[in-house]
Amino acid sequence: MRLITKLVPLALCSAMAMAADPAPAAPKPAPPQWNRAVSVSVLIGADVPTGADARAFPSPLILRLNEPSRAAVINAADCVYEADAWANLSSERVIVTPRLLRCFDASGRELATKAVKGFAVDKDGFGGIKSPIAWGQAAKDLLLMGVGAQVKQNFLVRTAKSALGKASLGLTDNLMDDNRKAQPDGEAIRQVRSTETLLPTLSLEPGHEFNIVLSGQ
């Protein structure tokens, strides 16, 4: 009985220690690689808009093929993809689709041009390239000026305040009621024509590397 009395507290202490110090989570396995994917680097990037017209008016990109031999063009020393990009704000990813492959020899003479189809895959194995959000100066200025204090019931401003929130570089969550500047710049207010002015962009910087999965070849 005495032995049991001593063992029970010991077992309880061990259980509490295990609960207080949980085992570290197992690392995620590396995403599988597909041999149809080719590695590219952003040569000419873009700040990709996130508005309603983003899909209709994609941003142009130039992507360098990291291994020109993968293009299967004889004597190719350098190959680039001309690509289109648009942003998915909800996932913070830039969707990239290549449309044209151009290859050049060592002297810069163009050897081949052909249409291509495919999509971009990030290093985490997900379609679309995870990209940082960048807020435009107009959106920051409008919030700092306290536009919402004058047009408190305006849906556009209420939507902008809700969307920016803490992401607006830590300005404040109460900018609607911020009266630090009683007379905002009226010209800045008149320049707000739609929510597009207050929406962020997703940046795809030169040098960023990811994979392109080609199809239909």
C-alpha atoms as a PDB file:
ATOM      1  CA  MET A   1       0.000   0.000   0.000  1.00  0.00           C
ATOM      2  CA  ARG A   2       2.811   2.380   0.855  1.00  0.00           C
ATOM      3  CA  LEU A   3       4.417   1.628  -2.495  1.00  0.00           C
ATOM      4  CA  ILE A   4       1.184   2.450  -4.327  1.00  0.00           C
ATOM      5  CA  THR A   5       0.834   5.665  -2.317  1.00  0.00           C
ATOM      6  CA  LYS A   6       4.297   6.745  -3.456  1.00  0.00           C
ATOM      7  CA  LEU A   7       3.783   5.708  -7.077  1.00  0.00           C
ATOM      8  CA  VAL A   8       0.491   7.554  -7.603  1.00  0.00           C
ATOM      9  CA  PRO A   9       1.926  11.072  -6.977  1.00  0.00           C
ATOM     10  CA  LEU A  10       4.903  10.190  -9.156  1.00  0.00           C
ATOM     11  CA  ALA A  11       2.628   9.130 -11.992  1.00  0.00           C
ATOM     12  CA  LEU A  12       0.560  12.292 -11.608  1.00  0.00           C
ATOM     13  CA  CYS A  13       3.683  14.462 -11.719  1.00  0.00           C
ATOM     14  CA  SER A  14       4.861  12.689 -14.860  1.00  0.00           C
ATOM     15  CA  ALA A  15       1.484  13.163 -16.535  1.00  0.00           C
ATOM     16  CA  MET A  16       1.434  16.853 -15.636  1.00  0.00           C
ATOM     17  CA  ALA A  17       4.956  17.322 -16.966  1.00  0.00           C
ATOM     18  CA  MET A  18       3.995  15.688 -20.247  1.00  0.00           C
ATOM     19  CA  ALA A  19       0.909  17.888 -20.531  1.00  0.00           C
ATOM     20  CA  ALA A  20       2.900  21.049 -19.792  1.00  0.00           C
ATOM     21  CA  ASP A  21       5.602  20.173 -22.298  1.00  0.00           C
ATOM     22  CA  PRO A  22       3.871  18.636 -25.322  1.00  0.00           C
ATOM     23  CA  ALA A  23       5.936  16.797 -27.867  1.00  0.00           C
ATOM     24  CA  PRO A  24       6.990  18.970 -30.819  1.00  0.00           C
ATOM     25  CA  ALA A  25       4.873  18.562 -33.920  1.00  0.00           C
ATOM     26  CA  ALA A  26       6.368  16.422 -36.624  1.00  0.00           C
ATOM     27  CA  PRO A  27       7.787  18.500 -39.491  1.00  0.00           C
ATOM     28  CA  LYS A  28       5.703  18.618 -42.640  1.00  0.00           C
ATOM     29  CA  PRO A  29       7.031  16.406 -45.414  1.00  0.00           C
ATOM     30  CA  ALA A  30       8.486  18.175 -48.425  1.00  0.00           C
ATOM     31  CA  PRO A  31       5.889  18.592 -51.174  1.00  0.00           C
ATOM     32  CA  PRO A  32       6.274  16.116 -54.033  1.00  0.00           C
ATOM     33  CA  GLN A  33       8.023  17.351 -57.161  1.00  0.00           C
ATOM     34  CA  TRP A  34       6.676  16.759 -60.655  1.00  0.00           C
ATOM     35  CA  ASN A  35       9.078  16.248 -63.515  1.00  0.00           C
ATOM     36  CA  ARG A  36       6.904  18.417 -65.756  1.00  0.00           C
ATOM     37  CA  ALA A  37       7.714  21.435 -63.578  1.00  0.00           C
ATOM     38  CA  VAL A  38      10.523  23.802 -64.549  1.00  0.00           C
ATOM     39  CA  SER A  39      12.296  26.246 -62.262  1.00  0.00           C
ATOM     40  CA  VAL A  40      12.045  29.953 -63.103  1.00  0.00           C
ATOM     41  CA  SER A  41      13.212  33.253 -61.620  1.00  0.00           C
ATOM     42  CA  VAL A  42      11.359  36.544 -61.860  1.00  0.00           C
ATOM     43  CA  LEU A  43      13.311  38.790 -64.226  1.00  0.00           C
ATOM     44  CA  ILE A  44      10.771  41.625 -64.413  1.00  0.00           C
ATOM     45  CA  GLY A  45       8.304  41.644 -61.533  1.00  0.00           C
ATOM     46  CA  ALA A  46       5.152  43.594 -60.764  1.00  0.00           C
ATOM     47  CA  ASP A  47       2.943  45.016 -58.053  1.00  0.00           C
ATOM     48  CA  VAL A  48      -0.156  43.029 -58.948  1.00  0.00           C
ATOM     49  CA  PRO A  49      -3.489  44.781 -58.230  1.00  0.00           C
ATOM     50  CA  THR A  50      -6.200  42.979 -56.281  1.00  0.00           C
ATOM     51  CA  GLY A  51      -9.304  44.778 -57.546  1.00  0.00           C
ATOM     52  CA  ALA A  52     -12.324  43.398 -59.352  1.00  0.00           C
ATOM     53  CA  ASP A  53     -10.663  43.968 -62.737  1.00  0.00           C
ATOM     54  CA  ALA A  54      -7.457  42.151 -61.816  1.00  0.00           C
ATOM     55  CA  ARG A  55      -8.354  39.061 -63.863  1.00  0.00           C
ATOM     56  CA  ALA A  56      -9.504  41.098 -66.862  1.00  0.00           C
ATOM     57  CA  PHE A  57      -6.325  43.193 -66.913  1.00  0.00           C
ATOM     58  CA  PRO A  58      -3.450  40.940 -65.740  1.00  0.00           C
ATOM     59  CA  SER A  59      -0.006  42.317 -64.995  1.00  0.00           C
ATOM     60  CA  PRO A  60       2.832  41.281 -67.357  1.00  0.00           C
ATOM     61  CA  LEU A  61       5.847  39.375 -66.028  1.00  0.00           C
ATOM     62  CA  ILE A  62       9.109  38.155 -67.527  1.00  0.00           C
ATOM     63  CA  LEU A  63      10.384  34.874 -66.050  1.00  0.00           C
ATOM     64  CA  ARG A  64      13.822  33.426 -66.760  1.00  0.00           C
ATOM     65  CA  LEU A  65      14.067  29.671 -67.234  1.00  0.00           C
ATOM     66  CA  ASN A  66      16.786  28.600 -64.796  1.00  0.00           C
ATOM     67  CA  GLU A  67      17.769  25.601 -66.939  1.00  0.00           C
ATOM     68  CA  PRO A  68      17.596  26.595 -70.628  1.00  0.00           C
ATOM     69  CA  SER A  69      18.151  22.975 -71.638  1.00  0.00           C
ATOM     70  CA  ARG A  70      14.636  22.206 -70.356  1.00  0.00           C
ATOM     71  CA  ALA A  71      13.252  24.227 -73.260  1.00  0.00           C
ATOM     72  CA  ALA A  72      14.553  21.619 -75.740  1.00  0.00           C
ATOM     73  CA  VAL A  73      15.800  24.334 -78.103  1.00  0.00           C
ATOM     74  CA  ILE A  74      19.159  23.607 -79.737  1.00  0.00           C
ATOM     75  CA  ASN A  75      21.944  26.097 -78.824  1.00  0.00           C
ATOM     76  CA  ALA A  76      19.679  28.011 -76.449  1.00  0.00           C
ATOM     77  CA  ALA A  77      21.759  29.975 -73.934  1.00  0.00           C
ATOM     78  CA  ASP A  78      18.907  31.919 -72.356  1.00  0.00           C
ATOM     79  CA  CYS A  79      15.147  31.378 -72.310  1.00  0.00           C
ATOM     80  CA  VAL A  80      12.378  33.501 -70.839  1.00  0.00           C
ATOM     81  CA  TYR A  81       8.651  33.163 -70.386  1.00  0.00           C
ATOM     82  CA  GLU A  82       6.311  36.052 -70.990  1.00  0.00           C
ATOM     83  CA  ALA A  83       3.585  35.533 -68.395  1.00  0.00           C
ATOM     84  CA  ASP A  84       0.417  37.086 -67.002  1.00  0.00           C
ATOM     85  CA  ALA A  85      -0.254  37.591 -63.299  1.00  0.00           C
ATOM     86  CA  TRP A  86      -3.288  38.490 -61.222  1.00  0.00           C
ATOM     87  CA  ALA A  87      -3.787  38.507 -57.480  1.00  0.00           C
ATOM     88  CA  ASN A  88      -5.996  36.501 -55.139  1.00  0.00           C
ATOM     89  CA  LEU A  89      -6.277  38.700 -52.065  1.00  0.00           C
ATOM     90  CA  SER A  90      -8.032  36.093 -49.910  1.00  0.00           C
ATOM     91  CA  SER A  91      -5.100  33.667 -50.195  1.00  0.00           C
ATOM     92  CA  GLU A  92      -2.418  36.373 -50.615  1.00  0.00           C
ATOM     93  CA  ARG A  93      -1.146  34.574 -53.701  1.00  0.00           C
ATOM     94  CA  VAL A  94      -0.272  35.764 -57.183  1.00  0.00           C
ATOM     95  CA  ILE A  95      -1.630  33.503 -59.921  1.00  0.00           C
ATOM     96  CA  VAL A  96       0.884  33.249 -62.773  1.00  0.00           C
ATOM     97  CA  THR A  97       0.244  31.735 -66.207  1.00  0.00           C
ATOM     98  CA  PRO A  98       2.985  31.585 -68.862  1.00  0.00           C
ATOM     99  CA  ARG A  99       1.869  32.297 -72.419  1.00  0.00           C
ATOM    100  CA  LEU A 100       5.020  32.584 -74.531  1.00  0.00           C
ATOM    101  CA  LEU A 101       8.489  30.988 -74.450  1.00  0.00           C
ATOM    102  CA  ARG A 102      11.374  32.816 -76.130  1.00  0.00           C
ATOM    103  CA  CYS A 103      14.890  31.386 -76.427  1.00  0.00           C
ATOM    104  CA  PHE A 104      18.124  33.111 -77.460  1.00  0.00           C
ATOM    105  CA  ASP A 105      21.646  31.991 -78.319  1.00  0.00           C
ATOM    106  CA  ALA A 106      24.820  33.264 -76.640  1.00  0.00           C
ATOM    107  CA  SER A 107      24.944  36.322 -78.912  1.00  0.00           C
ATOM    108  CA  GLY A 108      21.375  37.323 -78.092  1.00  0.00           C
ATOM    109  CA  ARG A 109      19.865  36.170 -81.378  1.00  0.00           C
ATOM    110  CA  GLU A 110      16.360  34.807 -80.963  1.00  0.00           C
ATOM    111  CA  LEU A 111      16.198  31.123 -81.856  1.00  0.00           C
ATOM    112  CA  ALA A 112      12.617  30.156 -81.140  1.00  0.00           C
ATOM    113  CA  THR A 113       9.293  31.518 -79.973  1.00  0.00           C
ATOM    114  CA  LYS A 114       6.356  29.318 -79.072  1.00  0.00           C
ATOM    115  CA  ALA A 115       3.083  29.581 -77.210  1.00  0.00           C
ATOM    116  CA  VAL A 116       2.881  27.679 -73.927  1.00  0.00           C
ATOM    117  CA  LYS A 117       0.290  26.894 -71.287  1.00  0.00           C
ATOM    118  CA  GLY A 118       0.723  26.155 -67.612  1.00  0.00           C
ATOM    119  CA  PHE A 119       0.551  27.552 -64.102  1.00  0.00           C
ATOM    120  CA  ALA A 120       2.881  28.530 -61.277  1.00  0.00           C
ATOM    121  CA  VAL A 121       3.507  26.420 -58.175  1.00  0.00           C
ATOM    122  CA  ASP A 122       5.162  27.811 -55.053  1.00  0.00           C
ATOM    123  CA  LYS A 123       7.754  25.975 -52.966  1.00  0.00           C
ATOM    124  CA  ASP A 124       5.022  24.822 -50.574  1.00  0.00           C
ATOM    125  CA  GLY A 125       3.391  22.821 -53.367  1.00  0.00           C
ATOM    126  CA  PHE A 126       0.367  25.127 -53.691  1.00  0.00           C
ATOM    127  CA  GLY A 127      -0.704  26.803 -56.899  1.00  0.00           C
ATOM    128  CA  GLY A 128      -0.066  30.542 -56.887  1.00  0.00           C
ATOM    129  CA  ILE A 129       2.895  32.403 -55.406  1.00  0.00           C
ATOM    130  CA  LYS A 130       2.634  33.575 -51.798  1.00  0.00           C
ATOM    131  CA  SER A 131       3.388  37.290 -51.895  1.00  0.00           C
ATOM    132  CA  PRO A 132       3.592  40.192 -49.430  1.00  0.00           C
ATOM    133  CA  ILE A 133       0.765  42.723 -49.305  1.00  0.00           C
ATOM    134  CA  ALA A 134       1.637  46.341 -50.103  1.00  0.00           C
ATOM    135  CA  TRP A 135      -0.760  49.191 -49.283  1.00  0.00           C
ATOM    136  CA  GLY A 136      -0.748  52.218 -51.561  1.00  0.00           C
ATOM    137  CA  GLN A 137       0.187  55.626 -50.243  1.00  0.00           C
ATOM    138  CA  ALA A 138      -3.284  56.949 -51.070  1.00  0.00           C
ATOM    139  CA  ALA A 139      -4.926  54.446 -48.732  1.00  0.00           C
ATOM    140  CA  LYS A 140      -2.509  55.287 -45.905  1.00  0.00           C
ATOM    141  CA  ASP A 141      -2.967  59.021 -46.409  1.00  0.00           C
ATOM    142  CA  LEU A 142      -6.746  58.787 -46.427  1.00  0.00           C
ATOM    143  CA  LEU A 143      -6.771  56.842 -43.193  1.00  0.00           C
ATOM    144  CA  LEU A 144      -4.293  59.148 -41.486  1.00  0.00           C
ATOM    145  CA  MET A 145      -6.263  62.216 -42.523  1.00  0.00           C
ATOM    146  CA  GLY A 146      -9.379  60.846 -40.863  1.00  0.00           C
ATOM    147  CA  VAL A 147     -11.598  60.899 -43.910  1.00  0.00           C
ATOM    148  CA  GLY A 148     -14.059  58.708 -42.076  1.00  0.00           C
ATOM    149  CA  ALA A 149     -14.756  61.479 -39.544  1.00  0.00           C
ATOM    150  CA  GLN A 150     -16.432  63.532 -42.283  1.00  0.00           C
ATOM    151  CA  VAL A 151     -18.160  60.727 -44.194  1.00  0.00           C
ATOM    152  CA  LYS A 152     -18.932  58.375 -41.334  1.00  0.00           C
ATOM    153  CA  GLN A 153     -21.859  56.738 -43.125  1.00  0.00           C
ATOM    154  CA  ASN A 154     -20.092  56.328 -46.446  1.00  0.00           C
ATOM    155  CA  PHE A 155     -19.958  52.631 -47.358  1.00  0.00           C
ATOM    156  CA  LEU A 156     -16.706  53.020 -49.262  1.00  0.00           C
ATOM    157  CA  VAL A 157     -14.840  54.414 -46.271  1.00  0.00           C
ATOM    158  CA  ARG A 158     -16.377  51.918 -43.855  1.00  0.00           C
ATOM    159  CA  THR A 159     -15.305  49.109 -46.172  1.00  0.00           C
ATOM    160  CA  ALA A 160     -11.790  50.508 -46.431  1.00  0.00           C
ATOM    161  CA  LYS A 161     -11.458  50.844 -42.654  1.00  0.00           C
ATOM    162  CA  SER A 162     -12.625  47.269 -42.145  1.00  0.00           C
ATOM    163  CA  ALA A 163     -10.291  45.923 -44.822  1.00  0.00           C
ATOM    164  CA  LEU A 164      -7.211  47.793 -43.679  1.00  0.00           C
ATOM    165  CA  GLY A 165      -7.590  47.545 -39.899  1.00  0.00           C
ATOM    166  CA  LYS A 166      -4.380  46.559 -38.182  1.00  0.00           C
ATOM    167  CA  ALA A 167      -2.795  45.655 -41.506  1.00  0.00           C
ATOM    168  CA  SER A 168      -2.519  49.363 -42.340  1.00  0.00           C
ATOM    169  CA  LEU A 169       0.918  49.523 -40.745  1.00  0.00           C
ATOM    170  CA  GLY A 170      -0.496  49.758 -37.217  1.00  0.00           C
ATOM    171  CA  LEU A 171      -2.215  53.106 -37.676  1.00  0.00           C
ATOM    172  CA  THR A 172      -5.245  52.554 -35.420  1.00  0.00           C
ATOM    173  CA  ASP A 173      -8.506  50.636 -35.287  1.00  0.00           C
ATOM    174  CA  ASN A 174     -10.508  53.792 -34.509  1.00  0.00           C
ATOM    175  CA  LEU A 175      -9.648  56.044 -37.403  1.00  0.00           C
ATOM    176  CA  MET A 176     -13.359  56.669 -38.021  1.00  0.00           C
ATOM    177  CA  ASP A 177     -13.483  58.610 -34.754  1.00  0.00           C
ATOM    178  CA  ASP A 178     -10.031  60.150 -34.992  1.00  0.00           C
ATOM    179  CA  ASN A 179     -10.474  63.925 -34.820  1.00  0.00           C
ATOM    180  CA  ARG A 180      -6.807  64.823 -34.720  1.00  0.00           C
ATOM    181  CA  LYS A 181      -7.188  66.518 -38.089  1.00  0.00           C
ATOM    182  CA  ALA A 182     -10.487  68.354 -38.257  1.00  0.00           C
ATOM    183  CA  GLN A 183     -10.169  69.452 -41.885  1.00  0.00           C
ATOM    184  CA  PRO A 184      -8.958  66.607 -44.142  1.00  0.00           C
ATOM    185  CA  ASP A 185      -7.680  67.449 -47.586  1.00  0.00           C
ATOM    186  CA  GLY A 186     -10.808  67.761 -49.720  1.00  0.00           C
ATOM    187  CA  GLU A 187      -8.881  67.127 -52.918  1.00  0.00           C
ATOM    188  CA  ALA A 188      -7.755  63.741 -51.617  1.00  0.00           C
ATOM    189  CA  ILE A 189     -11.362  62.852 -50.813  1.00  0.00           C
ATOM    190  CA  ARG A 190     -12.513  63.780 -54.316  1.00  0.00           C
ATOM    191  CA  GLN A 191      -9.871  61.502 -55.801  1.00  0.00           C
ATOM    192  CA  VAL A 192     -11.519  58.437 -54.262  1.00  0.00           C
ATOM    193  CA  ARG A 193     -13.602  57.120 -57.114  1.00  0.00           C
ATOM    194  CA  SER A 194     -13.928  53.469 -56.111  1.00  0.00           C
ATOM    195  CA  THR A 195     -12.632  50.902 -53.674  1.00  0.00           C
ATOM    196  CA  GLU A 196      -9.802  50.222 -56.145  1.00  0.00           C
ATOM    197  CA  THR A 197      -8.033  53.270 -54.704  1.00  0.00           C
ATOM    198  CA  LEU A 198      -7.949  51.714 -51.257  1.00  0.00           C
ATOM    199  CA  LEU A 199      -7.099  48.130 -52.171  1.00  0.00           C
ATOM    200  CA  PRO A 200      -3.572  46.730 -51.741  1.00  0.00           C
ATOM    201  CA  THR A 201      -1.324  45.058 -54.270  1.00  0.00           C
ATOM    202  CA  LEU A 202       0.611  41.797 -54.026  1.00  0.00           C
ATOM    203  CA  SER A 203       4.300  42.192 -54.870  1.00  0.00           C
ATOM    204  CA  LEU A 204       6.251  39.724 -56.980  1.00  0.00           C
ATOM    205  CA  GLU A 205       9.862  40.855 -56.725  1.00  0.00           C
ATOM    206  CA  PRO A 206      12.660  40.251 -59.265  1.00  0.00           C
ATOM    207  CA  GLY A 207      14.777  37.272 -58.241  1.00  0.00           C
ATOM    208  CA  HIS A 208      11.911  35.320 -56.661  1.00  0.00           C
ATOM    209  CA  GLU A 209      12.092  31.644 -57.649  1.00  0.00           C
ATOM    210  CA  PHE A 210       9.259  29.166 -58.125  1.00  0.00           C
ATOM    211  CA  ASN A 211       8.159  26.415 -60.504  1.00  0.00           C
ATOM    212  CA  ILE A 212       6.064  26.470 -63.650  1.00  0.00           C
ATOM    213  CA  VAL A 213       4.048  23.369 -64.509  1.00  0.00           C
ATOM    214  CA  LEU A 214       3.639  23.142 -68.267  1.00  0.00           C
ATOM    215  CA  SER A 215       0.663  21.490 -69.917  1.00  0.00           C
ATOM    216  CA  GLY A 216      -0.390  20.575 -73.408  1.00  0.00           C
ATOM    217  CA  GLN A 217       3.116  19.762 -74.627  1.00  0.00           C
END
